[in-house]
Amino acid sequence: MPTKRYLFYISQNYSYAILRPLQEVILARGDQAAWFLEGSEVNGKFLTVDEKRLLSIDEVQQYKAHVVFVPGNVVPDFIPGKKVGVFHGFNAGKINRRGKQDHFNIRGCFDLYCTQGPNTTEEFEKLANKHQHFSVKQTGWTALDPLFDLTKVKQNTKPTILMCSTFSRALTCAPHLFETVKQLSASGKWQWLIQFHPKMPVEVIEQYKSLEGEHLSFIETDNVIPLLQQADVMVCDTSSVLMMFLMLNKPVVTFNNISPKDYMINISDKGRLEESIEYALSYPETLQAKVKAFIDDTHPYVDGESSQRVLDAADELLAGKNMAKKSKPLNLLRKFKMRKKLNYWKLW
């Protein structure tokens, strides 16, 4: 059989960790994978020497991918290949300007959405029936495949708290919890790991970097999974990374979560942070049962083989199976904006 060509179209550094498990499966079966980095917010230095990068849309055109995998919201229509959305995170309940959940915003760019579990599959299937220009397949999320490999997890001598935060000024917990984290980390009772969204304001990053020492580490990385595996409890806000942590059946303390659920320990008073972490570290049975129910509904796959399922779903499209009933909408304005953004005006 001739080899198939797959393209990873990314615009953020966290996309590397989402797509590398998929790349591993692709290469293992003898097919090709290449990366295209769009925009200034993704750093090519995170690519390894043996990963293929396409530097221009002309090169992308010449590569002629059979399938394009996108952990984002949009992808140009003018590059070759079936367009497959694999998501940049879980549905964290964030509401867009139109008052709708952003996770389910259909922009008319994709042929297939690979969903993570029942609570997103059901909604996307409803949308697919409504719009009829894309198909849906529940596969699990590629980014989680390495999460379930716990054979190389670093063992800590004391409880480890991982603090993550989104960059949105309206949703972030980082500025509000700084003084509290400063005091708690100074006590030495727990080991702190701090990791923020790449768009976090520089002044907030510098604040937390100033706390680095024996009991606290500030970590900048394109792969948060080793941190998730090391930590015993997460402190977070409304960032979707908390859902990845919950997949390990570990508790999360949230500060002013926009839509708090019963599987979280949500607080609005920073003075309660310490007691909430203590409670989480006790792994109460009632809370853990709620976390387990959340896992079953959100991402029931713990076999580390979601990438294989995503690839199988994409190959179904190529074989003419699970196809949408209609063509994608014209989207002339979005198409123009994408061409302008990429400064690409050729018609082929």
C-alpha atoms as a PDB file:
ATOM      1  CA  MET A   1       0.000   0.000   0.000  1.00  0.00           C
ATOM      2  CA  PRO A   2       1.257   3.532  -0.747  1.00  0.00           C
ATOM      3  CA  THR A   3       2.100   5.629   2.281  1.00  0.00           C
ATOM      4  CA  LYS A   4      -0.369   8.220   3.496  1.00  0.00           C
ATOM      5  CA  ARG A   5       0.599  11.787   4.313  1.00  0.00           C
ATOM      6  CA  TYR A   6      -0.749  13.532   7.392  1.00  0.00           C
ATOM      7  CA  LEU A   7      -0.353  17.196   8.298  1.00  0.00           C
ATOM      8  CA  PHE A   8      -0.458  18.767  11.766  1.00  0.00           C
ATOM      9  CA  TYR A   9      -1.704  22.356  11.540  1.00  0.00           C
ATOM     10  CA  ILE A  10      -0.930  24.157  14.813  1.00  0.00           C
ATOM     11  CA  SER A  11      -0.839  27.686  16.245  1.00  0.00           C
ATOM     12  CA  GLN A  12      -0.004  27.118  19.942  1.00  0.00           C
ATOM     13  CA  ASN A  13       2.866  25.381  21.725  1.00  0.00           C
ATOM     14  CA  TYR A  14       0.552  23.071  23.646  1.00  0.00           C
ATOM     15  CA  SER A  15      -0.428  21.482  20.334  1.00  0.00           C
ATOM     16  CA  TYR A  16       2.825  19.526  20.212  1.00  0.00           C
ATOM     17  CA  ALA A  17       1.822  17.388  23.173  1.00  0.00           C
ATOM     18  CA  ILE A  18      -1.656  16.878  21.723  1.00  0.00           C
ATOM     19  CA  LEU A  19      -0.437  15.575  18.371  1.00  0.00           C
ATOM     20  CA  ARG A  20       2.811  13.757  19.115  1.00  0.00           C
ATOM     21  CA  PRO A  21       1.056  10.583  20.307  1.00  0.00           C
ATOM     22  CA  LEU A  22      -0.772  10.574  16.974  1.00  0.00           C
ATOM     23  CA  GLN A  23       2.490  11.171  15.104  1.00  0.00           C
ATOM     24  CA  GLU A  24       3.983   8.150  16.874  1.00  0.00           C
ATOM     25  CA  VAL A  25       1.181   5.898  15.619  1.00  0.00           C
ATOM     26  CA  ILE A  26       1.404   7.309  12.086  1.00  0.00           C
ATOM     27  CA  LEU A  27       5.147   6.775  11.811  1.00  0.00           C
ATOM     28  CA  ALA A  28       4.972   3.325  13.408  1.00  0.00           C
ATOM     29  CA  ARG A  29       2.832   2.072  10.558  1.00  0.00           C
ATOM     30  CA  GLY A  30       5.156   3.538   7.918  1.00  0.00           C
ATOM     31  CA  ASP A  31       3.201   6.644   6.919  1.00  0.00           C
ATOM     32  CA  GLN A  32       4.358  10.284   6.829  1.00  0.00           C
ATOM     33  CA  ALA A  33       3.687  13.192   9.188  1.00  0.00           C
ATOM     34  CA  ALA A  34       4.593  16.867   8.811  1.00  0.00           C
ATOM     35  CA  TRP A  35       3.984  20.055  10.799  1.00  0.00           C
ATOM     36  CA  PHE A  36       2.864  23.510   9.721  1.00  0.00           C
ATOM     37  CA  LEU A  37       3.187  26.268  12.325  1.00  0.00           C
ATOM     38  CA  GLU A  38       0.775  29.161  11.882  1.00  0.00           C
ATOM     39  CA  GLY A  39       1.268  32.534  13.576  1.00  0.00           C
ATOM     40  CA  SER A  40       3.706  33.966  16.108  1.00  0.00           C
ATOM     41  CA  GLU A  41       2.420  32.200  19.217  1.00  0.00           C
ATOM     42  CA  VAL A  42       3.894  28.804  18.349  1.00  0.00           C
ATOM     43  CA  ASN A  43       7.622  28.199  18.683  1.00  0.00           C
ATOM     44  CA  GLY A  44       9.377  26.021  16.108  1.00  0.00           C
ATOM     45  CA  LYS A  45      12.189  25.347  18.589  1.00  0.00           C
ATOM     46  CA  PHE A  46       9.958  22.760  20.242  1.00  0.00           C
ATOM     47  CA  LEU A  47      10.204  20.592  17.123  1.00  0.00           C
ATOM     48  CA  THR A  48      12.785  17.810  17.318  1.00  0.00           C
ATOM     49  CA  VAL A  49      15.435  17.254  14.660  1.00  0.00           C
ATOM     50  CA  ASP A  50      13.594  14.257  13.215  1.00  0.00           C
ATOM     51  CA  GLU A  51      10.230  16.016  12.893  1.00  0.00           C
ATOM     52  CA  LYS A  52       9.364  17.370   9.452  1.00  0.00           C
ATOM     53  CA  ARG A  53       8.332  21.041   9.259  1.00  0.00           C
ATOM     54  CA  LEU A  54       6.747  22.704   6.240  1.00  0.00           C
ATOM     55  CA  LEU A  55       7.739  26.367   6.169  1.00  0.00           C
ATOM     56  CA  SER A  56       5.190  27.832   3.761  1.00  0.00           C
ATOM     57  CA  ILE A  57       1.759  27.262   2.314  1.00  0.00           C
ATOM     58  CA  ASP A  58       3.455  26.484  -0.995  1.00  0.00           C
ATOM     59  CA  GLU A  59       5.280  23.616   0.730  1.00  0.00           C
ATOM     60  CA  VAL A  60       1.997  22.499   2.291  1.00  0.00           C
ATOM     61  CA  GLN A  61       0.402  22.472  -1.158  1.00  0.00           C
ATOM     62  CA  GLN A  62       3.247  20.402  -2.562  1.00  0.00           C
ATOM     63  CA  TYR A  63       3.079  17.953   0.376  1.00  0.00           C
ATOM     64  CA  LYS A  64      -0.552  17.136  -0.543  1.00  0.00           C
ATOM     65  CA  ALA A  65      -1.654  15.738   2.792  1.00  0.00           C
ATOM     66  CA  HIS A  66      -4.427  13.184   2.777  1.00  0.00           C
ATOM     67  CA  VAL A  67      -5.604  14.370   6.214  1.00  0.00           C
ATOM     68  CA  VAL A  68      -4.989  17.549   8.230  1.00  0.00           C
ATOM     69  CA  PHE A  69      -5.274  17.270  12.026  1.00  0.00           C
ATOM     70  CA  VAL A  70      -6.107  20.492  13.869  1.00  0.00           C
ATOM     71  CA  PRO A  71      -6.142  21.024  17.668  1.00  0.00           C
ATOM     72  CA  GLY A  72      -7.750  24.426  17.139  1.00  0.00           C
ATOM     73  CA  ASN A  73     -10.861  26.148  15.866  1.00  0.00           C
ATOM     74  CA  VAL A  74     -10.079  26.980  12.237  1.00  0.00           C
ATOM     75  CA  VAL A  75      -8.020  25.700   9.329  1.00  0.00           C
ATOM     76  CA  PRO A  76      -7.664  27.104   5.784  1.00  0.00           C
ATOM     77  CA  ASP A  77      -9.874  25.524   3.170  1.00  0.00           C
ATOM     78  CA  PHE A  78      -7.205  25.997   0.505  1.00  0.00           C
ATOM     79  CA  ILE A  79      -4.743  23.421   1.820  1.00  0.00           C
ATOM     80  CA  PRO A  80      -5.160  19.797   0.683  1.00  0.00           C
ATOM     81  CA  GLY A  81      -6.646  17.029   2.778  1.00  0.00           C
ATOM     82  CA  LYS A  82      -9.631  16.078   4.885  1.00  0.00           C
ATOM     83  CA  LYS A  83      -9.827  18.417   7.902  1.00  0.00           C
ATOM     84  CA  VAL A  84     -10.124  16.661  11.276  1.00  0.00           C
ATOM     85  CA  GLY A  85     -10.706  18.538  14.534  1.00  0.00           C
ATOM     86  CA  VAL A  86      -9.069  16.933  17.581  1.00  0.00           C
ATOM     87  CA  PHE A  87      -9.555  19.815  20.065  1.00  0.00           C
ATOM     88  CA  HIS A  88      -7.080  21.751  22.183  1.00  0.00           C
ATOM     89  CA  GLY A  89      -8.728  20.774  25.468  1.00  0.00           C
ATOM     90  CA  PHE A  90     -11.857  19.514  27.170  1.00  0.00           C
ATOM     91  CA  ASN A  91     -15.129  21.382  27.360  1.00  0.00           C
ATOM     92  CA  ALA A  92     -14.536  23.650  30.360  1.00  0.00           C
ATOM     93  CA  GLY A  93     -17.907  25.362  30.018  1.00  0.00           C
ATOM     94  CA  LYS A  94     -16.477  28.638  28.705  1.00  0.00           C
ATOM     95  CA  ILE A  95     -19.107  30.893  27.160  1.00  0.00           C
ATOM     96  CA  ASN A  96     -18.362  32.905  24.015  1.00  0.00           C
ATOM     97  CA  ARG A  97     -19.581  36.405  23.165  1.00  0.00           C
ATOM     98  CA  ARG A  98     -22.825  35.039  21.779  1.00  0.00           C
ATOM     99  CA  GLY A  99     -23.656  33.307  25.063  1.00  0.00           C
ATOM    100  CA  LYS A 100     -22.966  29.792  23.778  1.00  0.00           C
ATOM    101  CA  GLN A 101     -20.447  27.180  24.905  1.00  0.00           C
ATOM    102  CA  ASP A 102     -17.301  27.832  22.910  1.00  0.00           C
ATOM    103  CA  HIS A 103     -16.433  24.130  22.732  1.00  0.00           C
ATOM    104  CA  PHE A 104     -19.402  23.528  20.420  1.00  0.00           C
ATOM    105  CA  ASN A 105     -18.889  26.500  18.113  1.00  0.00           C
ATOM    106  CA  ILE A 106     -19.224  25.191  14.549  1.00  0.00           C
ATOM    107  CA  ARG A 107     -17.163  27.266  12.129  1.00  0.00           C
ATOM    108  CA  GLY A 108     -17.641  25.203   8.988  1.00  0.00           C
ATOM    109  CA  CYS A 109     -13.980  24.218   8.651  1.00  0.00           C
ATOM    110  CA  PHE A 110     -13.967  20.497   9.451  1.00  0.00           C
ATOM    111  CA  ASP A 111     -14.994  17.266   7.783  1.00  0.00           C
ATOM    112  CA  LEU A 112     -14.794  15.304  11.028  1.00  0.00           C
ATOM    113  CA  TYR A 113     -14.738  15.972  14.763  1.00  0.00           C
ATOM    114  CA  CYS A 114     -13.064  13.327  16.917  1.00  0.00           C
ATOM    115  CA  THR A 115     -14.816  13.635  20.259  1.00  0.00           C
ATOM    116  CA  GLN A 116     -13.565  12.660  23.693  1.00  0.00           C
ATOM    117  CA  GLY A 117     -16.515  11.045  25.456  1.00  0.00           C
ATOM    118  CA  PRO A 118     -20.319  10.865  25.758  1.00  0.00           C
ATOM    119  CA  ASN A 119     -20.817  14.391  27.126  1.00  0.00           C
ATOM    120  CA  THR A 120     -19.317  15.966  23.997  1.00  0.00           C
ATOM    121  CA  THR A 121     -20.224  13.283  21.462  1.00  0.00           C
ATOM    122  CA  GLU A 122     -23.955  13.633  22.082  1.00  0.00           C
ATOM    123  CA  GLU A 123     -23.895  17.403  21.510  1.00  0.00           C
ATOM    124  CA  PHE A 124     -21.720  17.179  18.401  1.00  0.00           C
ATOM    125  CA  GLU A 125     -23.961  14.483  16.949  1.00  0.00           C
ATOM    126  CA  LYS A 126     -26.955  16.789  17.417  1.00  0.00           C
ATOM    127  CA  LEU A 127     -25.031  19.559  15.650  1.00  0.00           C
ATOM    128  CA  ALA A 128     -23.989  17.166  12.875  1.00  0.00           C
ATOM    129  CA  ASN A 129     -27.637  16.245  12.291  1.00  0.00           C
ATOM    130  CA  LYS A 130     -28.507  19.937  12.210  1.00  0.00           C
ATOM    131  CA  HIS A 131     -25.740  21.176   9.905  1.00  0.00           C
ATOM    132  CA  GLN A 132     -25.009  17.948   7.972  1.00  0.00           C
ATOM    133  CA  HIS A 133     -21.640  19.200   6.673  1.00  0.00           C
ATOM    134  CA  PHE A 134     -19.396  17.267   9.098  1.00  0.00           C
ATOM    135  CA  SER A 135     -19.316  13.870  10.760  1.00  0.00           C
ATOM    136  CA  VAL A 136     -18.512  12.788  14.318  1.00  0.00           C
ATOM    137  CA  LYS A 137     -16.602   9.888  15.838  1.00  0.00           C
ATOM    138  CA  GLN A 138     -15.982   9.250  19.535  1.00  0.00           C
ATOM    139  CA  THR A 139     -12.326   8.309  19.839  1.00  0.00           C
ATOM    140  CA  GLY A 140     -10.929   9.757  23.052  1.00  0.00           C
ATOM    141  CA  TRP A 141      -8.306  12.488  23.041  1.00  0.00           C
ATOM    142  CA  THR A 142      -4.830  11.909  21.598  1.00  0.00           C
ATOM    143  CA  ALA A 143      -3.178  14.139  24.217  1.00  0.00           C
ATOM    144  CA  LEU A 144      -4.131  11.722  26.987  1.00  0.00           C
ATOM    145  CA  ASP A 145      -2.449   8.619  25.604  1.00  0.00           C
ATOM    146  CA  PRO A 146       0.837   9.259  27.470  1.00  0.00           C
ATOM    147  CA  LEU A 147      -1.100  10.289  30.599  1.00  0.00           C
ATOM    148  CA  PHE A 148      -1.979   6.699  31.360  1.00  0.00           C
ATOM    149  CA  ASP A 149       1.616   5.482  31.171  1.00  0.00           C
ATOM    150  CA  LEU A 150       2.593   5.804  34.827  1.00  0.00           C
ATOM    151  CA  THR A 151       5.727   3.638  34.683  1.00  0.00           C
ATOM    152  CA  LYS A 152       8.150   6.595  34.713  1.00  0.00           C
ATOM    153  CA  VAL A 153       6.403   8.929  37.141  1.00  0.00           C
ATOM    154  CA  LYS A 154       8.722  10.758  39.534  1.00  0.00           C
ATOM    155  CA  GLN A 155       8.071   9.872  43.165  1.00  0.00           C
ATOM    156  CA  ASN A 156       7.922  12.831  45.551  1.00  0.00           C
ATOM    157  CA  THR A 157       8.789  12.731  49.232  1.00  0.00           C
ATOM    158  CA  LYS A 158       5.906  14.994  50.268  1.00  0.00           C
ATOM    159  CA  PRO A 159       2.506  15.961  48.854  1.00  0.00           C
ATOM    160  CA  THR A 160       2.802  17.847  45.581  1.00  0.00           C
ATOM    161  CA  ILE A 161       0.437  20.621  44.543  1.00  0.00           C
ATOM    162  CA  LEU A 162       0.218  21.614  40.890  1.00  0.00           C
ATOM    163  CA  MET A 163      -1.170  25.087  40.253  1.00  0.00           C
ATOM    164  CA  CYS A 164      -2.405  25.840  36.739  1.00  0.00           C
ATOM    165  CA  SER A 165      -4.297  28.889  35.527  1.00  0.00           C
ATOM    166  CA  THR A 166      -5.883  30.282  32.400  1.00  0.00           C
ATOM    167  CA  PHE A 167      -4.811  33.686  31.047  1.00  0.00           C
ATOM    168  CA  SER A 168      -8.243  35.341  30.900  1.00  0.00           C
ATOM    169  CA  ARG A 169      -8.392  38.265  33.331  1.00  0.00           C
ATOM    170  CA  ALA A 170     -12.001  37.419  34.122  1.00  0.00           C
ATOM    171  CA  LEU A 171     -11.292  33.756  34.877  1.00  0.00           C
ATOM    172  CA  THR A 172      -7.703  33.470  36.112  1.00  0.00           C
ATOM    173  CA  CYS A 173      -6.963  32.575  39.730  1.00  0.00           C
ATOM    174  CA  ALA A 174      -3.260  33.461  39.549  1.00  0.00           C
ATOM    175  CA  PRO A 175      -3.292  37.140  40.645  1.00  0.00           C
ATOM    176  CA  HIS A 176      -5.815  36.458  43.411  1.00  0.00           C
ATOM    177  CA  LEU A 177      -3.941  33.551  44.974  1.00  0.00           C
ATOM    178  CA  PHE A 178      -0.396  34.899  44.749  1.00  0.00           C
ATOM    179  CA  GLU A 179       0.002  36.033  48.362  1.00  0.00           C
ATOM    180  CA  THR A 180      -1.663  32.865  49.675  1.00  0.00           C
ATOM    181  CA  VAL A 181       0.553  30.609  47.575  1.00  0.00           C
ATOM    182  CA  LYS A 182       3.565  32.632  48.678  1.00  0.00           C
ATOM    183  CA  GLN A 183       2.747  31.951  52.335  1.00  0.00           C
ATOM    184  CA  LEU A 184       1.877  28.291  51.844  1.00  0.00           C
ATOM    185  CA  SER A 185       4.966  27.531  49.793  1.00  0.00           C
ATOM    186  CA  ALA A 186       7.200  29.232  52.358  1.00  0.00           C
ATOM    187  CA  SER A 187       5.918  26.835  55.027  1.00  0.00           C
ATOM    188  CA  GLY A 188       7.468  23.877  53.209  1.00  0.00           C
ATOM    189  CA  LYS A 189       4.520  21.635  54.027  1.00  0.00           C
ATOM    190  CA  TRP A 190       3.953  20.807  50.362  1.00  0.00           C
ATOM    191  CA  GLN A 191       5.924  20.856  47.139  1.00  0.00           C
ATOM    192  CA  TRP A 192       4.497  23.338  44.618  1.00  0.00           C
ATOM    193  CA  LEU A 193       4.660  23.138  40.824  1.00  0.00           C
ATOM    194  CA  ILE A 194       3.405  26.223  38.944  1.00  0.00           C
ATOM    195  CA  GLN A 195       2.456  26.066  35.250  1.00  0.00           C
ATOM    196  CA  PHE A 196       0.404  28.696  33.422  1.00  0.00           C
ATOM    197  CA  HIS A 197      -1.258  29.113  30.055  1.00  0.00           C
ATOM    198  CA  PRO A 198       1.276  30.461  27.501  1.00  0.00           C
ATOM    199  CA  LYS A 199      -0.810  33.643  27.086  1.00  0.00           C
ATOM    200  CA  MET A 200      -0.592  34.525  30.779  1.00  0.00           C
ATOM    201  CA  PRO A 201       0.459  38.200  31.258  1.00  0.00           C
ATOM    202  CA  VAL A 202       4.204  38.563  31.759  1.00  0.00           C
ATOM    203  CA  GLU A 203       3.802  40.467  35.034  1.00  0.00           C
ATOM    204  CA  VAL A 204       1.905  37.542  36.591  1.00  0.00           C
ATOM    205  CA  ILE A 205       4.527  35.075  35.377  1.00  0.00           C
ATOM    206  CA  GLU A 206       7.299  37.178  36.878  1.00  0.00           C
ATOM    207  CA  GLN A 207       5.432  37.348  40.190  1.00  0.00           C
ATOM    208  CA  TYR A 208       5.338  33.596  40.523  1.00  0.00           C
ATOM    209  CA  LYS A 209       8.862  33.128  39.235  1.00  0.00           C
ATOM    210  CA  SER A 210       9.987  35.276  42.167  1.00  0.00           C
ATOM    211  CA  LEU A 211       8.739  32.532  44.497  1.00  0.00           C
ATOM    212  CA  GLU A 212      11.012  29.843  43.069  1.00  0.00           C
ATOM    213  CA  GLY A 213      13.005  28.008  45.675  1.00  0.00           C
ATOM    214  CA  GLU A 214      13.279  24.747  47.592  1.00  0.00           C
ATOM    215  CA  HIS A 215       9.497  24.263  47.855  1.00  0.00           C
ATOM    216  CA  LEU A 216       8.230  25.830  44.620  1.00  0.00           C
ATOM    217  CA  SER A 217       9.160  25.452  40.946  1.00  0.00           C
ATOM    218  CA  PHE A 218       7.829  27.523  38.061  1.00  0.00           C
ATOM    219  CA  ILE A 219       7.783  25.386  34.919  1.00  0.00           C
ATOM    220  CA  GLU A 220       7.481  26.527  31.299  1.00  0.00           C
ATOM    221  CA  THR A 221       6.811  23.555  29.067  1.00  0.00           C
ATOM    222  CA  ASP A 222       4.946  22.399  25.969  1.00  0.00           C
ATOM    223  CA  ASN A 223       4.022  19.156  27.757  1.00  0.00           C
ATOM    224  CA  VAL A 224       2.089  19.351  31.012  1.00  0.00           C
ATOM    225  CA  ILE A 225       1.522  15.593  31.358  1.00  0.00           C
ATOM    226  CA  PRO A 226       4.585  14.800  33.545  1.00  0.00           C
ATOM    227  CA  LEU A 227       3.401  17.524  35.944  1.00  0.00           C
ATOM    228  CA  LEU A 228      -0.104  16.065  36.065  1.00  0.00           C
ATOM    229  CA  GLN A 229       1.343  12.656  36.837  1.00  0.00           C
ATOM    230  CA  GLN A 230       3.592  13.958  39.641  1.00  0.00           C
ATOM    231  CA  ALA A 231       0.995  16.024  41.494  1.00  0.00           C
ATOM    232  CA  ASP A 232      -1.387  14.800  44.184  1.00  0.00           C
ATOM    233  CA  VAL A 233      -3.772  17.766  44.013  1.00  0.00           C
ATOM    234  CA  MET A 234      -4.347  20.528  41.472  1.00  0.00           C
ATOM    235  CA  VAL A 235      -5.218  24.151  42.215  1.00  0.00           C
ATOM    236  CA  CYS A 236      -6.893  25.768  39.233  1.00  0.00           C
ATOM    237  CA  ASP A 237      -9.693  28.043  37.980  1.00  0.00           C
ATOM    238  CA  THR A 238     -11.655  27.402  34.766  1.00  0.00           C
ATOM    239  CA  SER A 239      -8.746  26.167  32.658  1.00  0.00           C
ATOM    240  CA  SER A 240      -9.592  22.959  30.808  1.00  0.00           C
ATOM    241  CA  VAL A 241      -6.319  21.414  32.003  1.00  0.00           C
ATOM    242  CA  LEU A 242      -8.084  20.571  35.262  1.00  0.00           C
ATOM    243  CA  MET A 243     -10.095  17.993  33.340  1.00  0.00           C
ATOM    244  CA  MET A 244      -6.919  16.234  32.240  1.00  0.00           C
ATOM    245  CA  PHE A 245      -5.870  16.053  35.871  1.00  0.00           C
ATOM    246  CA  LEU A 246      -9.226  14.612  36.928  1.00  0.00           C
ATOM    247  CA  MET A 247      -8.719  11.799  34.410  1.00  0.00           C
ATOM    248  CA  LEU A 248      -6.085  10.424  36.791  1.00  0.00           C
ATOM    249  CA  ASN A 249      -8.792  10.172  39.472  1.00  0.00           C
ATOM    250  CA  LYS A 250      -7.182  12.936  41.532  1.00  0.00           C
ATOM    251  CA  PRO A 251      -8.942  15.901  43.191  1.00  0.00           C
ATOM    252  CA  VAL A 252      -8.967  19.505  42.018  1.00  0.00           C
ATOM    253  CA  VAL A 253      -9.431  22.674  44.075  1.00  0.00           C
ATOM    254  CA  THR A 254     -10.845  25.468  41.934  1.00  0.00           C
ATOM    255  CA  PHE A 255     -11.003  29.195  42.650  1.00  0.00           C
ATOM    256  CA  ASN A 256     -14.070  30.985  41.276  1.00  0.00           C
ATOM    257  CA  ASN A 257     -14.734  28.354  38.630  1.00  0.00           C
ATOM    258  CA  ILE A 258     -17.199  29.773  36.134  1.00  0.00           C
ATOM    259  CA  SER A 259     -19.375  26.653  36.324  1.00  0.00           C
ATOM    260  CA  PRO A 260     -18.415  24.664  39.436  1.00  0.00           C
ATOM    261  CA  LYS A 261     -19.376  20.991  39.495  1.00  0.00           C
ATOM    262  CA  ASP A 262     -19.775  18.486  42.303  1.00  0.00           C
ATOM    263  CA  TYR A 263     -16.524  16.722  41.357  1.00  0.00           C
ATOM    264  CA  MET A 264     -14.545  19.903  42.128  1.00  0.00           C
ATOM    265  CA  ILE A 265     -13.754  21.586  45.433  1.00  0.00           C
ATOM    266  CA  ASN A 266     -14.652  25.129  44.463  1.00  0.00           C
ATOM    267  CA  ILE A 267     -13.883  28.141  46.670  1.00  0.00           C
ATOM    268  CA  SER A 268     -14.302  31.896  46.294  1.00  0.00           C
ATOM    269  CA  ASP A 269     -12.401  32.838  49.462  1.00  0.00           C
ATOM    270  CA  LYS A 270      -8.628  32.584  49.114  1.00  0.00           C
ATOM    271  CA  GLY A 271      -8.442  32.137  52.886  1.00  0.00           C
ATOM    272  CA  ARG A 272      -9.937  28.663  52.395  1.00  0.00           C
ATOM    273  CA  LEU A 273      -7.225  27.463  50.024  1.00  0.00           C
ATOM    274  CA  GLU A 274      -5.144  25.657  52.645  1.00  0.00           C
ATOM    275  CA  GLU A 275      -8.052  23.782  54.235  1.00  0.00           C
ATOM    276  CA  SER A 276      -9.384  22.861  50.798  1.00  0.00           C
ATOM    277  CA  ILE A 277      -6.056  21.367  49.763  1.00  0.00           C
ATOM    278  CA  GLU A 278      -5.924  19.424  53.044  1.00  0.00           C
ATOM    279  CA  TYR A 279      -9.404  18.076  52.336  1.00  0.00           C
ATOM    280  CA  ALA A 280      -8.423  17.114  48.793  1.00  0.00           C
ATOM    281  CA  LEU A 281      -5.309  15.305  50.028  1.00  0.00           C
ATOM    282  CA  SER A 282      -7.551  13.101  52.192  1.00  0.00           C
ATOM    283  CA  TYR A 283      -9.140  11.737  48.983  1.00  0.00           C
ATOM    284  CA  PRO A 284     -12.670  11.602  50.472  1.00  0.00           C
ATOM    285  CA  GLU A 285     -14.749   8.709  49.127  1.00  0.00           C
ATOM    286  CA  THR A 286     -17.786  10.830  48.228  1.00  0.00           C
ATOM    287  CA  LEU A 287     -15.697  13.221  46.143  1.00  0.00           C
ATOM    288  CA  GLN A 288     -13.791  10.404  44.431  1.00  0.00           C
ATOM    289  CA  ALA A 289     -17.037   8.714  43.421  1.00  0.00           C
ATOM    290  CA  LYS A 290     -18.122  11.944  41.735  1.00  0.00           C
ATOM    291  CA  VAL A 291     -14.753  12.217  39.978  1.00  0.00           C
ATOM    292  CA  LYS A 292     -15.155   8.646  38.680  1.00  0.00           C
ATOM    293  CA  ALA A 293     -18.627   9.451  37.292  1.00  0.00           C
ATOM    294  CA  PHE A 294     -17.163  12.504  35.562  1.00  0.00           C
ATOM    295  CA  ILE A 295     -14.427  10.383  33.968  1.00  0.00           C
ATOM    296  CA  ASP A 296     -16.943   7.872  32.610  1.00  0.00           C
ATOM    297  CA  ASP A 297     -18.931  10.667  30.979  1.00  0.00           C
ATOM    298  CA  THR A 298     -16.033  12.774  29.710  1.00  0.00           C
ATOM    299  CA  HIS A 299     -13.263  10.396  28.632  1.00  0.00           C
ATOM    300  CA  PRO A 300     -13.950   6.733  29.367  1.00  0.00           C
ATOM    301  CA  TYR A 301     -10.805   5.524  27.588  1.00  0.00           C
ATOM    302  CA  VAL A 302      -7.854   4.662  29.840  1.00  0.00           C
ATOM    303  CA  ASP A 303      -6.072   2.330  27.419  1.00  0.00           C
ATOM    304  CA  GLY A 304      -3.767   4.960  25.903  1.00  0.00           C
ATOM    305  CA  GLU A 305      -4.966   4.126  22.382  1.00  0.00           C
ATOM    306  CA  SER A 306      -7.052   7.169  21.468  1.00  0.00           C
ATOM    307  CA  SER A 307      -4.528   8.148  18.783  1.00  0.00           C
ATOM    308  CA  GLN A 308      -5.104   4.839  17.033  1.00  0.00           C
ATOM    309  CA  ARG A 309      -8.865   5.429  17.140  1.00  0.00           C
ATOM    310  CA  VAL A 310      -8.427   8.958  15.718  1.00  0.00           C
ATOM    311  CA  LEU A 311      -6.290   7.626  12.887  1.00  0.00           C
ATOM    312  CA  ASP A 312      -8.814   4.878  12.160  1.00  0.00           C
ATOM    313  CA  ALA A 313     -11.605   7.492  12.056  1.00  0.00           C
ATOM    314  CA  ALA A 314      -9.613   9.649   9.610  1.00  0.00           C
ATOM    315  CA  ASP A 315      -8.907   6.640   7.423  1.00  0.00           C
ATOM    316  CA  GLU A 316     -12.618   5.867   7.351  1.00  0.00           C
ATOM    317  CA  LEU A 317     -13.145   9.271   5.745  1.00  0.00           C
ATOM    318  CA  LEU A 318     -10.494   8.527   3.150  1.00  0.00           C
ATOM    319  CA  ALA A 319     -12.269   5.255   2.408  1.00  0.00           C
ATOM    320  CA  GLY A 320     -15.555   7.113   1.870  1.00  0.00           C
ATOM    321  CA  LYS A 321     -17.130   6.000   5.159  1.00  0.00           C
ATOM    322  CA  ASN A 322     -18.783   8.163   7.856  1.00  0.00           C
ATOM    323  CA  MET A 323     -18.979  11.036   5.392  1.00  0.00           C
ATOM    324  CA  ALA A 324     -21.037  14.193   5.883  1.00  0.00           C
ATOM    325  CA  LYS A 325     -24.256  14.457   3.897  1.00  0.00           C
ATOM    326  CA  LYS A 326     -23.543  17.951   2.580  1.00  0.00           C
ATOM    327  CA  SER A 327     -20.564  20.059   1.510  1.00  0.00           C
ATOM    328  CA  LYS A 328     -19.115  22.566   3.947  1.00  0.00           C
ATOM    329  CA  PRO A 329     -20.562  26.115   3.770  1.00  0.00           C
ATOM    330  CA  LEU A 330     -18.871  28.707   1.565  1.00  0.00           C
ATOM    331  CA  ASN A 331     -17.617  30.805   4.514  1.00  0.00           C
ATOM    332  CA  LEU A 332     -16.342  33.476   2.108  1.00  0.00           C
ATOM    333  CA  LEU A 333     -15.473  36.006   4.810  1.00  0.00           C
ATOM    334  CA  ARG A 334     -13.569  33.469   6.915  1.00  0.00           C
ATOM    335  CA  LYS A 335     -11.775  32.166   3.839  1.00  0.00           C
ATOM    336  CA  PHE A 336     -10.723  35.714   2.945  1.00  0.00           C
ATOM    337  CA  LYS A 337      -9.493  36.351   6.491  1.00  0.00           C
ATOM    338  CA  MET A 338      -7.431  33.148   6.476  1.00  0.00           C
ATOM    339  CA  ARG A 339      -5.830  34.057   3.152  1.00  0.00           C
ATOM    340  CA  LYS A 340      -5.059  37.538   4.439  1.00  0.00           C
ATOM    341  CA  LYS A 341      -3.623  36.158   7.677  1.00  0.00           C
ATOM    342  CA  LEU A 342      -1.364  33.742   5.821  1.00  0.00           C
ATOM    343  CA  ASN A 343      -0.753  36.163   2.936  1.00  0.00           C
ATOM    344  CA  TYR A 344      -1.653  33.486   0.445  1.00  0.00           C
ATOM    345  CA  TRP A 345      -3.602  34.449  -2.686  1.00  0.00           C
ATOM    346  CA  LYS A 346      -2.985  31.623  -5.125  1.00  0.00           C
ATOM    347  CA  LEU A 347      -6.052  29.747  -6.304  1.00  0.00           C
ATOM    348  CA  TRP A 348      -4.529  26.273  -6.514  1.00  0.00           C
END
